[in-house]
N, C-alpha and C. Protein backbone atom coordinates (compact mmCIF):
# COMPACT_ATOMS: atom_id res chain seq x y z
N UNK A 1 -33.83 107.83 65.27
CA UNK A 1 -34.54 107.05 66.25
C UNK A 1 -33.67 106.84 67.47
N UNK A 2 -34.31 106.80 68.62
CA UNK A 2 -33.59 106.57 69.86
C UNK A 2 -33.34 105.10 70.11
N UNK A 3 -32.59 104.85 71.16
CA UNK A 3 -32.19 103.51 71.56
C UNK A 3 -33.39 102.57 71.68
N UNK A 4 -34.40 102.97 72.41
CA UNK A 4 -35.55 102.12 72.69
C UNK A 4 -36.56 102.14 71.54
N UNK A 5 -36.53 103.17 70.69
CA UNK A 5 -37.49 103.30 69.59
C UNK A 5 -37.38 102.15 68.58
N UNK A 6 -36.17 101.64 68.36
CA UNK A 6 -36.00 100.52 67.43
C UNK A 6 -36.74 99.29 67.93
N UNK A 7 -36.66 99.05 69.23
CA UNK A 7 -37.34 97.91 69.84
C UNK A 7 -38.86 98.07 69.71
N UNK A 8 -39.34 99.23 70.07
CA UNK A 8 -40.79 99.49 70.00
C UNK A 8 -41.28 99.38 68.57
N UNK A 9 -40.49 99.85 67.62
CA UNK A 9 -40.88 99.76 66.21
C UNK A 9 -41.03 98.31 65.76
N UNK A 10 -40.10 97.46 66.19
CA UNK A 10 -40.19 96.04 65.82
C UNK A 10 -41.41 95.38 66.46
N UNK A 11 -41.72 95.75 67.67
CA UNK A 11 -42.86 95.15 68.38
C UNK A 11 -44.18 95.73 67.86
N UNK A 12 -44.23 97.03 67.72
CA UNK A 12 -45.49 97.70 67.38
C UNK A 12 -45.78 97.70 65.88
N UNK A 13 -44.81 98.10 65.07
CA UNK A 13 -45.05 98.30 63.64
C UNK A 13 -44.76 97.06 62.79
N UNK A 14 -43.84 96.22 63.23
CA UNK A 14 -43.41 95.08 62.41
C UNK A 14 -43.52 93.76 63.18
N UNK A 15 -44.56 93.58 63.99
CA UNK A 15 -44.66 92.42 64.89
C UNK A 15 -44.40 91.10 64.17
N UNK A 16 -45.10 90.85 63.10
CA UNK A 16 -44.89 89.62 62.32
C UNK A 16 -44.70 89.96 60.84
N UNK A 17 -43.97 91.03 60.59
CA UNK A 17 -43.70 91.47 59.23
C UNK A 17 -42.44 90.79 58.72
N UNK A 18 -42.63 89.79 57.86
CA UNK A 18 -41.50 89.02 57.34
C UNK A 18 -41.07 89.52 55.96
N UNK A 19 -41.66 90.60 55.50
CA UNK A 19 -41.32 91.14 54.18
C UNK A 19 -40.54 92.43 54.35
N UNK A 20 -39.74 92.73 53.36
CA UNK A 20 -38.94 93.95 53.39
C UNK A 20 -37.56 93.69 53.97
N UNK A 21 -36.92 94.77 54.35
CA UNK A 21 -35.54 94.71 54.80
C UNK A 21 -35.37 95.44 56.12
N UNK A 22 -34.40 95.00 56.91
CA UNK A 22 -34.08 95.65 58.19
C UNK A 22 -32.60 96.00 58.21
N UNK A 23 -32.31 97.23 58.56
CA UNK A 23 -30.92 97.67 58.67
C UNK A 23 -30.21 96.94 59.81
N UNK A 24 -28.90 96.97 59.79
CA UNK A 24 -28.13 96.39 60.91
C UNK A 24 -28.51 97.05 62.22
N UNK A 25 -28.65 98.37 62.17
CA UNK A 25 -28.97 99.12 63.38
C UNK A 25 -30.31 98.67 63.97
N UNK A 26 -31.31 98.47 63.13
CA UNK A 26 -32.61 98.02 63.61
C UNK A 26 -32.48 96.66 64.28
N UNK A 27 -31.79 95.72 63.63
CA UNK A 27 -31.63 94.37 64.17
C UNK A 27 -30.88 94.39 65.50
N UNK A 28 -29.73 95.07 65.53
CA UNK A 28 -28.90 95.02 66.72
C UNK A 28 -29.49 95.81 67.88
N UNK A 29 -30.17 96.90 67.61
CA UNK A 29 -30.85 97.64 68.70
C UNK A 29 -31.98 96.80 69.28
N UNK A 30 -32.75 96.14 68.40
CA UNK A 30 -33.80 95.25 68.89
C UNK A 30 -33.19 94.15 69.74
N UNK A 31 -32.12 93.54 69.27
CA UNK A 31 -31.48 92.44 69.99
C UNK A 31 -30.94 92.90 71.34
N UNK A 32 -30.28 94.05 71.37
CA UNK A 32 -29.72 94.57 72.62
C UNK A 32 -30.81 94.86 73.64
N UNK A 33 -31.85 95.57 73.23
CA UNK A 33 -32.94 95.90 74.17
C UNK A 33 -33.65 94.62 74.59
N UNK A 34 -33.82 93.68 73.68
CA UNK A 34 -34.47 92.42 73.99
C UNK A 34 -33.69 91.65 75.06
N UNK A 35 -32.37 91.60 74.94
CA UNK A 35 -31.54 90.91 75.93
C UNK A 35 -31.65 91.61 77.29
N UNK A 36 -31.55 92.93 77.28
CA UNK A 36 -31.66 93.68 78.55
C UNK A 36 -33.03 93.48 79.18
N UNK A 37 -34.09 93.54 78.37
CA UNK A 37 -35.44 93.35 78.90
C UNK A 37 -35.62 91.94 79.44
N UNK A 38 -35.06 90.95 78.76
CA UNK A 38 -35.16 89.56 79.23
C UNK A 38 -34.48 89.39 80.58
N UNK A 39 -33.34 90.04 80.76
CA UNK A 39 -32.64 89.97 82.04
C UNK A 39 -33.48 90.60 83.13
N UNK A 40 -34.01 91.79 82.87
CA UNK A 40 -34.83 92.49 83.86
C UNK A 40 -36.07 91.67 84.21
N UNK A 41 -36.77 91.16 83.19
CA UNK A 41 -37.98 90.36 83.43
C UNK A 41 -37.62 89.09 84.20
N UNK A 42 -36.50 88.46 83.87
CA UNK A 42 -36.06 87.26 84.59
C UNK A 42 -35.78 87.54 86.06
N UNK A 43 -35.10 88.65 86.33
CA UNK A 43 -34.79 89.02 87.72
C UNK A 43 -36.09 89.32 88.47
N UNK A 44 -36.98 90.06 87.84
CA UNK A 44 -38.26 90.37 88.48
C UNK A 44 -39.04 89.08 88.76
N UNK A 45 -39.00 88.15 87.82
CA UNK A 45 -39.66 86.87 88.01
C UNK A 45 -39.11 86.10 89.20
N UNK A 46 -37.80 86.14 89.39
CA UNK A 46 -37.18 85.47 90.54
C UNK A 46 -37.57 86.18 91.84
N UNK A 47 -37.58 87.51 91.82
CA UNK A 47 -37.91 88.28 93.02
C UNK A 47 -39.34 88.01 93.47
N UNK A 48 -40.26 87.97 92.52
CA UNK A 48 -41.67 87.78 92.90
C UNK A 48 -42.08 86.30 92.87
N UNK A 49 -41.09 85.43 92.75
CA UNK A 49 -41.31 83.97 92.76
C UNK A 49 -42.26 83.52 91.66
N UNK A 50 -42.09 84.10 90.50
CA UNK A 50 -42.87 83.71 89.32
C UNK A 50 -41.87 83.50 88.19
N UNK A 51 -41.13 82.41 88.25
CA UNK A 51 -40.06 82.14 87.29
C UNK A 51 -40.57 82.00 85.87
N UNK A 52 -41.84 81.71 85.72
CA UNK A 52 -42.44 81.55 84.40
C UNK A 52 -42.53 82.89 83.65
N UNK A 53 -42.36 84.00 84.34
CA UNK A 53 -42.46 85.32 83.73
C UNK A 53 -41.45 85.50 82.60
N UNK A 54 -40.23 85.03 82.78
CA UNK A 54 -39.21 85.12 81.75
C UNK A 54 -39.58 84.32 80.52
N UNK A 55 -40.16 83.15 80.74
CA UNK A 55 -40.60 82.32 79.61
C UNK A 55 -41.73 82.98 78.85
N UNK A 56 -42.63 83.62 79.57
CA UNK A 56 -43.74 84.32 78.91
C UNK A 56 -43.23 85.49 78.07
N UNK A 57 -42.24 86.21 78.59
CA UNK A 57 -41.65 87.31 77.83
C UNK A 57 -40.98 86.77 76.56
N UNK A 58 -40.22 85.69 76.71
CA UNK A 58 -39.54 85.10 75.56
C UNK A 58 -40.54 84.65 74.49
N UNK A 59 -41.63 84.09 74.92
CA UNK A 59 -42.68 83.66 73.99
C UNK A 59 -43.31 84.86 73.29
N UNK A 60 -43.49 85.96 74.02
CA UNK A 60 -44.10 87.16 73.45
C UNK A 60 -43.24 87.81 72.38
N UNK A 61 -41.92 87.73 72.52
CA UNK A 61 -41.03 88.37 71.55
C UNK A 61 -40.43 87.39 70.54
N UNK A 62 -40.88 86.14 70.56
CA UNK A 62 -40.37 85.15 69.63
C UNK A 62 -40.63 85.53 68.17
N UNK A 63 -41.88 85.82 67.83
CA UNK A 63 -42.21 86.16 66.44
C UNK A 63 -41.56 87.47 65.98
N UNK A 64 -41.57 88.55 66.78
CA UNK A 64 -40.87 89.75 66.32
C UNK A 64 -39.37 89.52 66.14
N UNK A 65 -38.78 88.68 66.98
CA UNK A 65 -37.35 88.36 66.85
C UNK A 65 -37.05 87.61 65.57
N UNK A 66 -37.89 86.64 65.25
CA UNK A 66 -37.72 85.91 64.00
C UNK A 66 -37.95 86.83 62.81
N UNK A 67 -38.97 87.68 62.91
CA UNK A 67 -39.30 88.59 61.80
C UNK A 67 -38.17 89.57 61.51
N UNK A 68 -37.59 90.17 62.55
CA UNK A 68 -36.50 91.13 62.32
C UNK A 68 -35.26 90.41 61.79
N UNK A 69 -35.05 89.16 62.19
CA UNK A 69 -33.93 88.38 61.67
C UNK A 69 -34.13 88.07 60.19
N UNK A 70 -35.34 87.70 59.81
CA UNK A 70 -35.65 87.43 58.41
C UNK A 70 -35.47 88.69 57.58
N UNK A 71 -35.97 89.83 58.08
CA UNK A 71 -35.81 91.08 57.34
C UNK A 71 -34.34 91.48 57.23
N UNK A 72 -33.55 91.17 58.27
CA UNK A 72 -32.10 91.45 58.22
C UNK A 72 -31.43 90.59 57.16
N UNK A 73 -31.83 89.32 57.07
CA UNK A 73 -31.30 88.45 56.01
C UNK A 73 -31.70 88.98 54.64
N UNK A 74 -32.91 89.48 54.52
CA UNK A 74 -33.35 90.07 53.25
C UNK A 74 -32.46 91.25 52.88
N UNK A 75 -32.01 92.01 53.86
CA UNK A 75 -31.16 93.17 53.58
C UNK A 75 -29.82 92.73 52.98
N UNK A 76 -29.38 91.53 53.31
CA UNK A 76 -28.15 91.00 52.74
C UNK A 76 -28.43 90.19 51.47
N UNK A 77 -29.64 90.31 50.95
CA UNK A 77 -30.09 89.65 49.71
C UNK A 77 -30.10 88.13 49.85
N UNK A 78 -30.51 87.66 51.04
CA UNK A 78 -30.65 86.23 51.28
C UNK A 78 -32.08 85.94 51.71
N UNK A 79 -32.51 84.74 51.41
CA UNK A 79 -33.84 84.30 51.81
C UNK A 79 -33.92 84.19 53.33
N UNK A 80 -35.11 84.38 53.85
CA UNK A 80 -35.32 84.21 55.28
C UNK A 80 -35.08 82.79 55.75
N UNK A 81 -35.12 81.84 54.83
CA UNK A 81 -34.87 80.45 55.18
C UNK A 81 -33.44 80.23 55.67
N UNK A 82 -32.55 81.18 55.43
CA UNK A 82 -31.18 81.08 55.93
C UNK A 82 -31.15 81.05 57.46
N UNK A 83 -32.23 81.45 58.09
CA UNK A 83 -32.30 81.42 59.56
C UNK A 83 -32.13 79.98 60.06
N UNK A 84 -32.50 79.02 59.24
CA UNK A 84 -32.40 77.61 59.63
C UNK A 84 -30.97 77.11 59.73
N UNK A 85 -30.02 77.89 59.21
CA UNK A 85 -28.61 77.50 59.34
C UNK A 85 -28.21 77.46 60.81
N UNK A 86 -28.92 78.20 61.63
CA UNK A 86 -28.59 78.20 63.06
C UNK A 86 -28.87 76.85 63.73
N UNK A 87 -29.58 75.96 63.05
CA UNK A 87 -29.85 74.63 63.60
C UNK A 87 -28.63 73.72 63.55
N UNK A 88 -27.63 74.09 62.75
CA UNK A 88 -26.38 73.33 62.72
C UNK A 88 -25.61 73.69 63.98
N UNK A 89 -25.28 72.72 64.82
CA UNK A 89 -24.62 73.03 66.08
C UNK A 89 -23.35 73.87 65.90
N UNK A 90 -23.22 74.89 66.70
CA UNK A 90 -22.09 75.80 66.79
C UNK A 90 -21.77 76.55 65.50
N UNK A 91 -21.42 75.85 64.44
CA UNK A 91 -21.04 76.49 63.18
C UNK A 91 -22.21 77.30 62.62
N UNK A 92 -23.41 76.76 62.71
CA UNK A 92 -24.59 77.45 62.17
C UNK A 92 -24.86 78.77 62.88
N UNK A 93 -24.75 78.77 64.19
CA UNK A 93 -24.97 80.01 64.96
C UNK A 93 -23.90 81.04 64.63
N UNK A 94 -22.67 80.59 64.49
CA UNK A 94 -21.58 81.52 64.15
C UNK A 94 -21.81 82.09 62.75
N UNK A 95 -22.20 81.25 61.80
CA UNK A 95 -22.43 81.72 60.44
C UNK A 95 -23.60 82.71 60.40
N UNK A 96 -24.67 82.44 61.15
CA UNK A 96 -25.80 83.37 61.19
C UNK A 96 -25.37 84.70 61.80
N UNK A 97 -24.53 84.66 62.81
CA UNK A 97 -24.00 85.89 63.41
C UNK A 97 -23.22 86.69 62.38
N UNK A 98 -22.40 86.00 61.58
CA UNK A 98 -21.65 86.68 60.52
C UNK A 98 -22.60 87.34 59.53
N UNK A 99 -23.67 86.64 59.16
CA UNK A 99 -24.65 87.20 58.23
C UNK A 99 -25.34 88.43 58.81
N UNK A 100 -25.57 88.43 60.12
CA UNK A 100 -26.23 89.57 60.76
C UNK A 100 -25.31 90.79 60.83
N UNK A 101 -24.01 90.56 60.80
CA UNK A 101 -23.04 91.65 60.90
C UNK A 101 -22.72 92.25 59.53
N UNK A 102 -22.90 91.47 58.47
CA UNK A 102 -22.60 91.96 57.12
C UNK A 102 -23.43 93.19 56.76
N UNK A 103 -22.82 94.08 55.99
CA UNK A 103 -23.56 95.23 55.49
C UNK A 103 -24.58 94.76 54.46
N UNK A 104 -25.74 95.40 54.46
CA UNK A 104 -26.77 95.06 53.50
C UNK A 104 -26.40 95.50 52.09
N UNK A 105 -27.09 94.95 51.10
CA UNK A 105 -26.83 95.35 49.72
C UNK A 105 -27.27 96.79 49.53
N UNK A 106 -26.46 97.53 48.80
CA UNK A 106 -26.78 98.92 48.54
C UNK A 106 -27.81 99.00 47.42
N UNK A 107 -28.75 99.90 47.56
CA UNK A 107 -29.80 100.04 46.56
C UNK A 107 -30.85 98.96 46.74
N UNK A 108 -31.77 98.92 45.84
CA UNK A 108 -32.86 97.94 45.91
C UNK A 108 -32.34 96.54 45.61
N UNK A 109 -32.98 95.56 46.22
CA UNK A 109 -32.73 94.17 45.86
C UNK A 109 -34.09 93.49 45.73
N UNK A 110 -34.11 92.18 45.59
CA UNK A 110 -35.36 91.47 45.34
C UNK A 110 -36.36 91.58 46.51
N UNK A 111 -35.90 92.05 47.67
CA UNK A 111 -36.77 92.14 48.84
C UNK A 111 -37.26 93.55 49.12
N UNK A 112 -36.84 94.51 48.31
CA UNK A 112 -37.34 95.87 48.48
C UNK A 112 -36.25 96.92 48.40
N UNK A 113 -36.64 98.16 48.66
CA UNK A 113 -35.68 99.27 48.60
C UNK A 113 -34.73 99.24 49.78
N UNK A 114 -33.61 99.90 49.61
CA UNK A 114 -32.59 100.02 50.65
C UNK A 114 -33.16 100.80 51.83
N UNK A 115 -33.21 100.20 53.04
CA UNK A 115 -33.77 100.92 54.18
C UNK A 115 -32.92 102.12 54.61
N UNK A 116 -31.64 102.13 54.28
CA UNK A 116 -30.80 103.29 54.61
C UNK A 116 -31.22 104.50 53.78
N UNK A 117 -31.58 104.26 52.54
CA UNK A 117 -31.99 105.36 51.65
C UNK A 117 -33.42 105.80 51.95
N UNK A 118 -34.26 104.87 52.41
CA UNK A 118 -35.66 105.19 52.69
C UNK A 118 -35.80 106.01 53.97
N UNK A 119 -34.90 105.78 54.94
CA UNK A 119 -35.02 106.45 56.24
C UNK A 119 -34.10 107.55 56.33
């Protein structure tokens, strides 16, 4: 898959899919493209004097972002509820970042087959 294909896959194929597993590559490519797109949309919003455009984009990608994060946690054999650890100031966000960087469990786990072996 190409750089932008991971992002499109999360938006198109897995919009609110909270089941299964997501590889590190899927999560980080989605995150990278999402950040770049948010910057571009924000700049365009400022140029055309429609600052709300960035907020609308963020709202549109909120559910796919949560879904890919939950699937990434599933890949590390953790419940999607671990996403709530980010509510702990500073430490929670750092711990969630560590969880996103960890390699997923090899082979099948309780959330499904290994996405590396499936793809």
